[in-house]
């Protein structure tokens, strides 16, 4: 079953070009939604202005080789490995969802445009949908801050949940539809509806963050390299000049490693 093209059975009742047309429309919706989000929130203007200020206040210049090194670190650590997550459970759940989404979308496009695509792409489609469900439901029921740390019900919904819920609905309905034999029926159109909400809801969800976060991570690394550090303090507590600051007086003779602090126990006191 995992090697079978789930879209193969649609040709009996739908035009072969339907899924191709649908994939193209969803792709255009993502582009349009992302551009709208950028303009509406001023994200691009903010990043460009922030980079301009960073360059004007830089205490040292970042060379071409160092810039390439920073770009590679951003791609490998911050993007491919989701290095910004300190919580390992959240990081693993995010990676499952991220790579599952990439596999799922890529395999869907290939299978829709090439009915004779090999078993590899069909297996990748199943694997991607399963990874989304594992990572997504794990996050939704056990890792979310408002559930794990604040004691709210996992069934409490807010506007910010649009992306994760539509993604889970799309992957879950896709698997149920495929297990049920595929074809043109109620399950198929529910799957199409959930997927349409996922891609058409870009301006109102966190979907566009996948494009913003790499840019923000790159800017953060560049600001550290050129000395601006996003206007944050760069001196450490063991620096003599830093110790002269009023807020550091109580820590003057304190050890550098002061223990776990707020990380000593999980924040579950509700």
Protein backbone atom coordinates (compact mmCIF):
# COMPACT_ATOMS: atom_id res chain seq x y z
CA UNK A 1 0.00 0.00 0.00
CA UNK A 2 2.82 2.44 0.85
CA UNK A 3 4.19 2.13 -2.67
CA UNK A 4 0.87 2.85 -4.40
CA UNK A 5 0.11 6.25 -5.95
CA UNK A 6 -2.94 7.50 -3.99
CA UNK A 7 -3.98 9.77 -6.88
CA UNK A 8 -4.08 7.01 -9.48
CA UNK A 9 -7.74 6.20 -8.85
CA UNK A 10 -8.89 9.75 -9.58
CA UNK A 11 -8.48 9.38 -13.35
CA UNK A 12 -11.64 7.30 -13.56
CA UNK A 13 -13.91 10.18 -12.49
CA UNK A 14 -11.83 13.36 -12.71
CA UNK A 15 -9.84 14.92 -15.50
CA UNK A 16 -6.13 13.96 -15.35
CA UNK A 17 -5.34 17.65 -15.27
CA UNK A 18 -7.43 18.39 -12.17
CA UNK A 19 -4.71 17.67 -9.61
CA UNK A 20 -2.12 19.44 -11.76
CA UNK A 21 -4.33 22.52 -11.93
CA UNK A 22 -4.96 22.31 -8.19
CA UNK A 23 -1.25 22.09 -7.30
CA UNK A 24 -0.48 25.12 -9.48
CA UNK A 25 -3.30 27.15 -7.88
CA UNK A 26 -2.08 26.25 -4.36
CA UNK A 27 1.47 27.28 -5.33
CA UNK A 28 0.19 30.65 -6.57
CA UNK A 29 -1.87 31.11 -3.39
CA UNK A 30 1.27 30.63 -1.27
CA UNK A 31 3.16 33.24 -3.31
CA UNK A 32 0.28 35.72 -3.22
CA UNK A 33 -0.38 35.12 0.49
CA UNK A 34 3.29 35.53 1.41
CA UNK A 35 3.61 38.76 -0.59
CA UNK A 36 0.45 40.11 1.04
CA UNK A 37 1.80 39.17 4.47
CA UNK A 38 5.12 40.89 3.72
CA UNK A 39 3.43 44.09 2.56
CA UNK A 40 0.71 44.13 5.22
CA UNK A 41 3.07 43.54 8.15
CA UNK A 42 6.01 45.41 6.67
CA UNK A 43 8.32 42.44 7.26
CA UNK A 44 10.58 43.05 4.28
CA UNK A 45 10.89 46.76 5.07
CA UNK A 46 11.78 45.91 8.66
CA UNK A 47 14.50 43.41 7.69
CA UNK A 48 16.07 45.73 5.10
CA UNK A 49 16.02 48.70 7.49
CA UNK A 50 17.46 46.55 10.28
CA UNK A 51 20.27 45.36 7.99
CA UNK A 52 21.00 48.95 6.93
CA UNK A 53 21.25 50.10 10.55
CA UNK A 54 23.38 47.10 11.41
CA UNK A 55 25.86 47.92 8.63
CA UNK A 56 26.00 51.61 9.61
CA UNK A 57 26.78 50.78 13.25
CA UNK A 58 29.13 47.87 12.55
CA UNK A 59 32.43 47.93 14.43
CA UNK A 60 34.01 45.58 11.89
CA UNK A 61 33.33 44.55 8.32
CA UNK A 62 32.24 41.03 7.44
CA UNK A 63 34.27 39.70 4.51
CA UNK A 64 32.98 37.61 1.65
CA UNK A 65 34.35 34.35 3.03
CA UNK A 66 32.94 35.01 6.49
CA UNK A 67 29.58 35.95 4.98
CA UNK A 68 29.45 32.63 3.11
CA UNK A 69 30.40 30.80 6.32
CA UNK A 70 27.58 32.55 8.21
CA UNK A 71 25.12 31.72 5.43
CA UNK A 72 26.13 28.04 5.58
CA UNK A 73 25.81 27.99 9.40
CA UNK A 74 22.36 29.56 9.14
CA UNK A 75 21.23 27.02 6.57
CA UNK A 76 22.63 23.98 8.40
CA UNK A 77 22.07 24.90 12.07
CA UNK A 78 19.09 27.26 12.10
CA UNK A 79 17.12 25.94 9.11
CA UNK A 80 17.95 22.28 8.50
CA UNK A 81 18.52 21.36 12.17
CA UNK A 82 16.16 23.92 13.82
CA UNK A 83 18.97 24.89 16.20
CA UNK A 84 16.98 27.74 17.77
CA UNK A 85 14.96 25.28 19.84
CA UNK A 86 16.46 24.63 23.30
CA UNK A 87 13.72 22.15 24.21
CA UNK A 88 14.71 18.90 22.52
CA UNK A 89 11.17 17.49 22.43
CA UNK A 90 9.89 20.61 20.71
CA UNK A 91 12.84 20.49 18.32
CA UNK A 92 12.21 16.86 17.33
CA UNK A 93 8.48 17.52 16.86
CA UNK A 94 9.28 20.55 14.72
CA UNK A 95 11.75 18.59 12.57
CA UNK A 96 9.23 15.80 12.05
CA UNK A 97 6.62 18.31 10.94
CA UNK A 98 9.01 20.36 8.80
CA UNK A 99 10.59 17.50 6.88
CA UNK A 100 7.26 15.69 6.71
CA UNK A 101 5.70 18.78 5.12
CA UNK A 102 8.53 19.05 2.57
CA UNK A 103 8.23 15.36 1.63
CA UNK A 104 4.43 15.54 1.52
CA UNK A 105 4.24 18.63 -0.72
CA UNK A 106 7.07 17.57 -3.04
CA UNK A 107 5.69 14.06 -3.50
CA UNK A 108 2.17 15.40 -4.09
CA UNK A 109 3.43 17.64 -6.90
CA UNK A 110 5.41 14.81 -8.53
CA UNK A 111 2.56 12.28 -8.28
CA UNK A 112 0.04 14.81 -9.61
CA UNK A 113 2.12 15.68 -12.67
CA UNK A 114 3.46 12.18 -13.38
CA UNK A 115 0.99 9.33 -12.96
CA UNK A 116 3.74 6.85 -13.77
CA UNK A 117 6.06 8.09 -10.99
CA UNK A 118 7.80 5.22 -9.25
CA UNK A 119 7.14 3.71 -5.84
CA UNK A 120 9.74 6.01 -4.28
CA UNK A 121 7.50 9.07 -4.64
CA UNK A 122 4.42 7.27 -3.40
CA UNK A 123 6.32 6.04 -0.34
CA UNK A 124 7.67 9.54 0.25
CA UNK A 125 4.09 10.89 0.18
CA UNK A 126 2.93 8.38 2.81
CA UNK A 127 6.05 8.96 4.92
CA UNK A 128 5.66 12.75 4.78
CA UNK A 129 2.00 12.65 5.84
CA UNK A 130 2.80 10.25 8.69
CA UNK A 131 5.68 12.45 9.90
CA UNK A 132 3.38 15.49 9.92
CA UNK A 133 0.84 13.61 12.02
CA UNK A 134 3.39 12.25 14.51
CA UNK A 135 5.15 15.58 15.01
CA UNK A 136 1.98 17.66 14.81
CA UNK A 137 -0.19 15.70 17.24
CA UNK A 138 2.73 15.29 19.64
CA UNK A 139 3.17 19.06 19.65
CA UNK A 140 -0.56 19.80 19.84
CA UNK A 141 -1.42 17.55 22.79
CA UNK A 142 1.81 17.44 24.82
CA UNK A 143 4.30 20.20 23.95
CA UNK A 144 2.36 23.41 23.33
CA UNK A 145 3.19 26.00 25.98
CA UNK A 146 -0.42 26.87 26.80
CA UNK A 147 -1.17 23.17 27.29
CA UNK A 148 2.03 21.87 28.91
CA UNK A 149 2.89 24.91 31.04
CA UNK A 150 -0.37 26.83 31.48
CA UNK A 151 -2.82 23.99 31.85
CA UNK A 152 -5.21 24.98 29.06
CA UNK A 153 -7.22 22.33 27.28
CA UNK A 154 -5.61 20.99 24.09
CA UNK A 155 -8.98 21.56 22.42
CA UNK A 156 -8.85 25.34 23.05
CA UNK A 157 -8.55 27.08 19.69
CA UNK A 158 -7.20 30.52 18.80
CA UNK A 159 -6.53 32.26 15.48
CA UNK A 160 -2.82 31.46 15.65
CA UNK A 161 -3.64 27.74 15.45
CA UNK A 162 -4.87 27.99 11.84
CA UNK A 163 -1.65 26.73 10.28
CA UNK A 164 -1.01 23.70 12.50
CA UNK A 165 -4.67 22.65 12.51
CA UNK A 166 -5.11 22.94 8.74
CA UNK A 167 -1.81 21.11 8.21
CA UNK A 168 -2.88 18.28 10.52
CA UNK A 169 -6.31 18.14 8.89
CA UNK A 170 -4.77 17.95 5.43
CA UNK A 171 -2.30 15.17 6.32
CA UNK A 172 -4.80 13.21 8.42
CA UNK A 173 -7.56 13.32 5.82
CA UNK A 174 -5.03 12.46 3.11
CA UNK A 175 -4.02 9.30 4.96
CA UNK A 176 -7.62 8.31 5.74
CA UNK A 177 -8.62 8.91 2.12
CA UNK A 178 -5.68 6.90 0.79
CA UNK A 179 -6.23 4.00 3.24
CA UNK A 180 -9.91 3.93 2.25
CA UNK A 181 -8.89 3.29 -1.36
CA UNK A 182 -8.60 6.81 -2.76
CA UNK A 183 -10.95 7.80 -5.53
CA UNK A 184 -13.42 10.65 -5.93
CA UNK A 185 -15.63 10.78 -2.86
CA UNK A 186 -16.48 12.69 0.31
CA UNK A 187 -13.09 11.98 1.91
CA UNK A 188 -11.26 13.28 -1.14
CA UNK A 189 -13.13 16.60 -1.13
CA UNK A 190 -12.66 17.00 2.63
CA UNK A 191 -8.94 16.47 2.02
CA UNK A 192 -9.02 19.09 -0.76
CA UNK A 193 -10.93 21.51 1.51
CA UNK A 194 -8.41 21.17 4.37
CA UNK A 195 -5.48 21.57 1.99
CA UNK A 196 -7.05 24.65 0.41
CA UNK A 197 -7.49 26.24 3.85
CA UNK A 198 -3.82 25.47 4.58
CA UNK A 199 -2.48 27.23 1.49
CA UNK A 200 -5.14 29.92 1.10
CA UNK A 201 -4.84 30.91 4.77
CA UNK A 202 -1.22 32.07 4.50
CA UNK A 203 -2.03 35.75 5.31
CA UNK A 204 -3.80 34.71 8.53
CA UNK A 205 -1.52 31.93 9.72
CA UNK A 206 2.13 31.33 10.60
CA UNK A 207 2.83 29.74 7.22
CA UNK A 208 4.92 32.70 6.02
CA UNK A 209 7.19 32.33 9.06
CA UNK A 210 9.07 29.58 7.26
CA UNK A 211 10.36 32.29 4.91
CA UNK A 212 10.97 34.95 7.57
CA UNK A 213 12.79 32.84 10.16
CA UNK A 214 15.84 32.03 7.98
CA UNK A 215 16.20 35.75 7.19
CA UNK A 216 15.94 36.63 10.89
CA UNK A 217 18.48 33.94 11.83
CA UNK A 218 20.89 35.20 9.16
CA UNK A 219 20.54 38.79 10.38
CA UNK A 220 21.18 37.70 13.98
CA UNK A 221 24.41 35.93 13.04
CA UNK A 222 25.58 38.85 10.89
CA UNK A 223 24.92 41.36 13.68
CA UNK A 224 27.04 39.28 16.04
CA UNK A 225 29.84 39.09 13.49
CA UNK A 226 29.93 42.83 12.71
CA UNK A 227 29.79 43.84 16.38
CA UNK A 228 26.33 45.44 16.57
CA UNK A 229 24.70 42.35 18.17
CA UNK A 230 21.22 43.83 17.50
CA UNK A 231 21.95 46.53 20.12
CA UNK A 232 22.22 43.88 22.86
CA UNK A 233 25.07 43.80 25.45
CA UNK A 234 28.11 41.95 24.16
CA UNK A 235 30.25 41.98 27.30
CA UNK A 236 30.07 38.99 29.61
CA UNK A 237 29.77 38.92 33.39
CA UNK A 238 33.43 38.04 33.86
CA UNK A 239 34.53 41.19 32.01
CA UNK A 240 35.92 43.82 34.47
CA UNK A 241 34.20 46.69 32.69
CA UNK A 242 30.87 44.88 32.77
CA UNK A 243 31.23 44.17 36.49
CA UNK A 244 31.37 47.92 37.21
CA UNK A 245 27.77 48.31 36.06
CA UNK A 246 25.26 48.82 38.87
CA UNK A 247 23.17 45.80 37.87
CA UNK A 248 26.25 43.58 38.14
CA UNK A 249 27.34 44.56 41.67
CA UNK A 250 25.51 41.71 43.39
CA UNK A 251 27.05 39.24 40.94
CA UNK A 252 30.60 40.53 41.27
CA UNK A 253 31.90 37.49 43.18
CA UNK A 254 29.27 34.98 41.99
CA UNK A 255 30.44 31.90 40.09
CA UNK A 256 29.97 31.96 36.33
CA UNK A 257 27.94 28.73 36.43
CA UNK A 258 25.03 29.47 38.75
CA UNK A 259 23.06 26.29 38.08
CA UNK A 260 19.86 25.60 36.24
CA UNK A 261 17.84 28.53 37.64
CA UNK A 262 14.35 28.60 36.13
CA UNK A 263 15.19 25.47 34.16
CA UNK A 264 15.47 23.49 37.40
CA UNK A 265 11.92 22.16 36.93
CA UNK A 266 9.22 22.21 34.31
CA UNK A 267 6.87 25.25 34.54
CA UNK A 268 3.75 23.29 35.48
CA UNK A 269 2.34 24.96 38.57
CA UNK A 270 -1.23 25.46 37.37
